């Protein structure tokens, strides 16, 4: 499955492994991700695509404008695991 803008992904490697993020852009072999807490909209993370596991859900980034909305959206994913 290809990783596209607006997709919710799970990190497979690094300090943030196991966490869920929203992809804000994809260029080359990298994606820019944020989760609204550790990685806010203002301070996004650039991560290799091979270190991300895509989910089936894609959200419209035009509807999400604040870090609080991102945290609320990802809450169900981050706490479903435990």
N, C-alpha and C. Protein backbone atom coordinates (compact mmCIF):
# COMPACT_ATOMS: atom_id res chain seq x y z
N UNK A 1 0.85 -1.17 0.00
CA UNK A 1 0.00 0.00 0.00
C UNK A 1 0.90 1.24 0.00
N UNK A 2 0.60 2.18 -0.84
CA UNK A 2 1.37 3.42 -0.92
C UNK A 2 0.96 4.38 0.19
N UNK A 3 1.93 5.11 0.68
CA UNK A 3 1.67 6.13 1.69
C UNK A 3 1.39 7.44 0.98
N UNK A 4 0.24 8.05 1.30
CA UNK A 4 -0.18 9.29 0.64
C UNK A 4 -0.47 10.36 1.69
N UNK A 5 -0.59 11.59 1.24
CA UNK A 5 -0.88 12.72 2.10
C UNK A 5 -2.24 12.52 2.79
N UNK A 6 -2.26 12.74 4.11
CA UNK A 6 -3.50 12.59 4.87
C UNK A 6 -3.67 11.22 5.49
N UNK A 7 -2.79 10.28 5.20
CA UNK A 7 -2.91 8.91 5.72
C UNK A 7 -2.42 8.85 7.17
N UNK A 8 -3.06 8.01 7.96
CA UNK A 8 -2.59 7.75 9.31
C UNK A 8 -1.63 6.57 9.23
N UNK A 9 -0.44 6.74 9.81
CA UNK A 9 0.61 5.73 9.74
C UNK A 9 1.13 5.42 11.14
N UNK A 10 1.75 4.24 11.27
CA UNK A 10 2.38 3.83 12.52
C UNK A 10 3.89 3.79 12.30
N UNK A 11 4.64 4.35 13.22
CA UNK A 11 6.09 4.36 13.11
C UNK A 11 6.64 2.99 13.51
N UNK A 12 7.56 2.46 12.68
CA UNK A 12 8.16 1.16 12.94
C UNK A 12 9.57 1.26 13.52
N UNK A 13 10.21 2.42 13.46
CA UNK A 13 11.60 2.55 13.90
C UNK A 13 11.84 3.92 14.51
N UNK A 14 12.85 3.99 15.38
CA UNK A 14 13.23 5.26 15.99
C UNK A 14 12.65 5.43 17.38
N UNK A 15 12.87 6.61 17.96
CA UNK A 15 12.37 6.92 19.30
C UNK A 15 10.85 6.93 19.36
N UNK A 16 10.23 7.19 18.24
CA UNK A 16 8.78 7.28 18.19
C UNK A 16 8.12 5.99 17.72
N UNK A 17 8.83 4.87 17.72
CA UNK A 17 8.27 3.62 17.21
C UNK A 17 7.04 3.21 18.01
N UNK A 18 6.03 2.72 17.31
CA UNK A 18 4.79 2.31 17.92
C UNK A 18 3.74 3.41 17.98
N UNK A 19 4.13 4.64 17.70
CA UNK A 19 3.20 5.76 17.74
C UNK A 19 2.52 5.99 16.40
N UNK A 20 1.36 6.60 16.44
CA UNK A 20 0.61 6.89 15.22
C UNK A 20 0.75 8.37 14.86
N UNK A 21 0.81 8.64 13.55
CA UNK A 21 1.04 9.98 13.04
C UNK A 21 0.17 10.21 11.81
N UNK A 22 0.03 11.46 11.42
CA UNK A 22 -0.65 11.84 10.18
C UNK A 22 0.41 12.32 9.20
N UNK A 23 0.35 11.84 7.98
CA UNK A 23 1.28 12.25 6.93
C UNK A 23 0.80 13.58 6.36
N UNK A 24 1.67 14.58 6.40
CA UNK A 24 1.31 15.89 5.86
C UNK A 24 1.84 16.12 4.46
N UNK A 25 2.91 15.41 4.09
CA UNK A 25 3.43 15.49 2.72
C UNK A 25 4.33 14.30 2.45
N UNK A 26 4.46 13.95 1.17
CA UNK A 26 5.33 12.86 0.74
C UNK A 26 6.17 13.37 -0.43
N UNK A 27 7.50 13.27 -0.29
CA UNK A 27 8.40 13.67 -1.36
C UNK A 27 9.54 12.67 -1.43
N UNK A 28 9.76 12.11 -2.61
CA UNK A 28 10.82 11.13 -2.77
C UNK A 28 10.58 9.92 -1.89
N UNK A 29 11.56 9.54 -1.12
CA UNK A 29 11.44 8.39 -0.22
C UNK A 29 11.14 8.80 1.20
N UNK A 30 10.66 10.04 1.41
CA UNK A 30 10.41 10.54 2.75
C UNK A 30 8.99 11.06 2.90
N UNK A 31 8.50 11.00 4.14
CA UNK A 31 7.20 11.58 4.48
C UNK A 31 7.40 12.56 5.63
N UNK A 32 6.61 13.60 5.65
CA UNK A 32 6.61 14.53 6.77
C UNK A 32 5.39 14.19 7.63
N UNK A 33 5.64 13.94 8.94
CA UNK A 33 4.58 13.47 9.81
C UNK A 33 4.45 14.36 11.05
N UNK A 34 3.26 14.32 11.66
CA UNK A 34 3.05 15.02 12.93
C UNK A 34 1.98 14.27 13.73
N UNK A 35 2.03 14.44 15.07
CA UNK A 35 1.03 13.80 15.92
C UNK A 35 0.32 14.79 16.84
N UNK A 36 0.69 16.07 16.77
CA UNK A 36 0.03 17.08 17.56
C UNK A 36 0.55 17.22 18.97
N UNK A 37 1.42 16.31 19.41
CA UNK A 37 1.95 16.39 20.77
C UNK A 37 3.47 16.50 20.74
N UNK A 38 4.16 15.39 20.55
CA UNK A 38 5.63 15.42 20.46
C UNK A 38 6.08 16.11 19.18
N UNK A 39 5.37 15.85 18.11
CA UNK A 39 5.64 16.47 16.81
C UNK A 39 4.42 17.28 16.42
N UNK A 40 4.51 18.58 16.66
CA UNK A 40 3.38 19.45 16.37
C UNK A 40 3.36 19.83 14.89
N UNK A 41 2.35 20.56 14.49
CA UNK A 41 2.24 21.03 13.11
C UNK A 41 3.41 21.96 12.79
N UNK A 42 3.82 22.74 13.77
CA UNK A 42 4.90 23.69 13.56
C UNK A 42 6.28 23.03 13.51
N UNK A 43 6.41 21.85 14.11
CA UNK A 43 7.71 21.17 14.21
C UNK A 43 7.56 19.71 13.75
N UNK A 44 7.31 19.53 12.47
CA UNK A 44 7.03 18.20 11.93
C UNK A 44 8.31 17.39 11.76
N UNK A 45 8.17 16.07 11.64
CA UNK A 45 9.28 15.14 11.51
C UNK A 45 9.34 14.61 10.09
N UNK A 46 10.54 14.53 9.55
CA UNK A 46 10.75 13.93 8.23
C UNK A 46 11.24 12.50 8.48
N UNK A 47 10.57 11.52 7.89
CA UNK A 47 10.87 10.11 8.17
C UNK A 47 10.85 9.32 6.88
N UNK A 48 11.73 8.33 6.77
CA UNK A 48 11.77 7.47 5.59
C UNK A 48 10.50 6.63 5.51
N UNK A 49 10.04 6.41 4.30
CA UNK A 49 8.81 5.65 4.09
C UNK A 49 8.93 4.20 4.57
N UNK A 50 10.14 3.63 4.50
CA UNK A 50 10.30 2.23 4.93
C UNK A 50 10.14 2.07 6.44
N UNK A 51 10.19 3.19 7.18
CA UNK A 51 10.02 3.15 8.63
C UNK A 51 8.59 3.43 9.07
N UNK A 52 7.67 3.47 8.10
CA UNK A 52 6.27 3.75 8.39
C UNK A 52 5.38 2.60 7.91
N UNK A 53 4.40 2.27 8.73
CA UNK A 53 3.42 1.22 8.37
C UNK A 53 2.07 1.90 8.14
N UNK A 54 1.54 1.85 6.92
CA UNK A 54 0.28 2.56 6.63
C UNK A 54 -0.94 1.86 7.24
N UNK A 55 -1.94 2.66 7.56
CA UNK A 55 -3.24 2.12 7.99
C UNK A 55 -4.21 2.33 6.83
N UNK A 56 -5.44 1.94 7.01
CA UNK A 56 -6.44 2.05 5.95
C UNK A 56 -7.10 3.42 5.92
N UNK A 57 -6.92 4.22 6.98
CA UNK A 57 -7.67 5.48 7.08
C UNK A 57 -6.89 6.66 6.51
N UNK A 58 -7.59 7.48 5.74
CA UNK A 58 -7.05 8.71 5.19
C UNK A 58 -8.00 9.84 5.60
N UNK A 59 -7.42 10.91 6.15
CA UNK A 59 -8.23 12.05 6.59
C UNK A 59 -7.93 13.25 5.71
N UNK A 60 -8.89 14.15 5.63
CA UNK A 60 -8.71 15.37 4.86
C UNK A 60 -7.94 16.39 5.68
N UNK A 61 -6.77 16.77 5.22
CA UNK A 61 -5.94 17.72 5.97
C UNK A 61 -6.53 19.12 5.98
N UNK A 62 -7.42 19.42 5.06
CA UNK A 62 -8.03 20.75 5.06
C UNK A 62 -8.99 20.93 6.23
N UNK A 63 -9.48 19.83 6.82
CA UNK A 63 -10.39 19.93 7.96
C UNK A 63 -9.63 20.02 9.28
N UNK A 64 -8.36 19.61 9.30
CA UNK A 64 -7.55 19.61 10.51
C UNK A 64 -6.65 20.84 10.49
N UNK A 65 -6.83 21.71 11.49
CA UNK A 65 -6.06 22.95 11.51
C UNK A 65 -5.21 23.13 12.76
N UNK A 66 -5.51 22.42 13.85
CA UNK A 66 -4.79 22.61 15.10
C UNK A 66 -4.20 21.30 15.61
N UNK A 67 -3.24 21.44 16.52
CA UNK A 67 -2.62 20.26 17.14
C UNK A 67 -3.64 19.49 17.98
N UNK A 68 -4.56 20.21 18.60
CA UNK A 68 -5.58 19.56 19.42
C UNK A 68 -6.46 18.63 18.59
N UNK A 69 -6.83 19.04 17.38
CA UNK A 69 -7.65 18.20 16.50
C UNK A 69 -6.89 16.95 16.08
N UNK A 70 -5.59 17.08 15.84
CA UNK A 70 -4.76 15.92 15.48
C UNK A 70 -4.69 14.94 16.64
N UNK A 71 -4.47 15.45 17.86
CA UNK A 71 -4.40 14.58 19.04
C UNK A 71 -5.70 13.83 19.25
N UNK A 72 -6.83 14.52 19.08
CA UNK A 72 -8.13 13.86 19.24
C UNK A 72 -8.34 12.76 18.21
N UNK A 73 -7.92 13.03 16.99
CA UNK A 73 -8.07 12.06 15.92
C UNK A 73 -7.21 10.81 16.16
N UNK A 74 -5.99 11.00 16.63
CA UNK A 74 -5.07 9.89 16.83
C UNK A 74 -5.26 9.18 18.17
N UNK A 75 -6.04 9.74 19.06
CA UNK A 75 -6.23 9.16 20.40
C UNK A 75 -6.73 7.72 20.33
N UNK A 76 -7.69 7.45 19.47
CA UNK A 76 -8.26 6.11 19.39
C UNK A 76 -7.23 5.09 18.88
N UNK A 77 -6.28 5.52 18.08
CA UNK A 77 -5.24 4.62 17.60
C UNK A 77 -4.18 4.35 18.66
N UNK A 78 -3.74 5.39 19.36
CA UNK A 78 -2.68 5.25 20.33
C UNK A 78 -3.09 4.42 21.55
N UNK A 79 -4.35 4.44 21.91
CA UNK A 79 -4.80 3.72 23.08
C UNK A 79 -5.58 2.45 22.80
N UNK A 80 -5.68 2.09 21.53
CA UNK A 80 -6.35 0.85 21.15
C UNK A 80 -5.41 -0.33 21.37
N UNK A 81 -4.10 -0.11 21.31
CA UNK A 81 -3.11 -1.18 21.40
C UNK A 81 -3.09 -1.85 22.75
N UNK A 82 -3.13 -1.07 23.84
CA UNK A 82 -2.92 -1.55 25.19
C UNK A 82 -3.94 -2.47 25.67
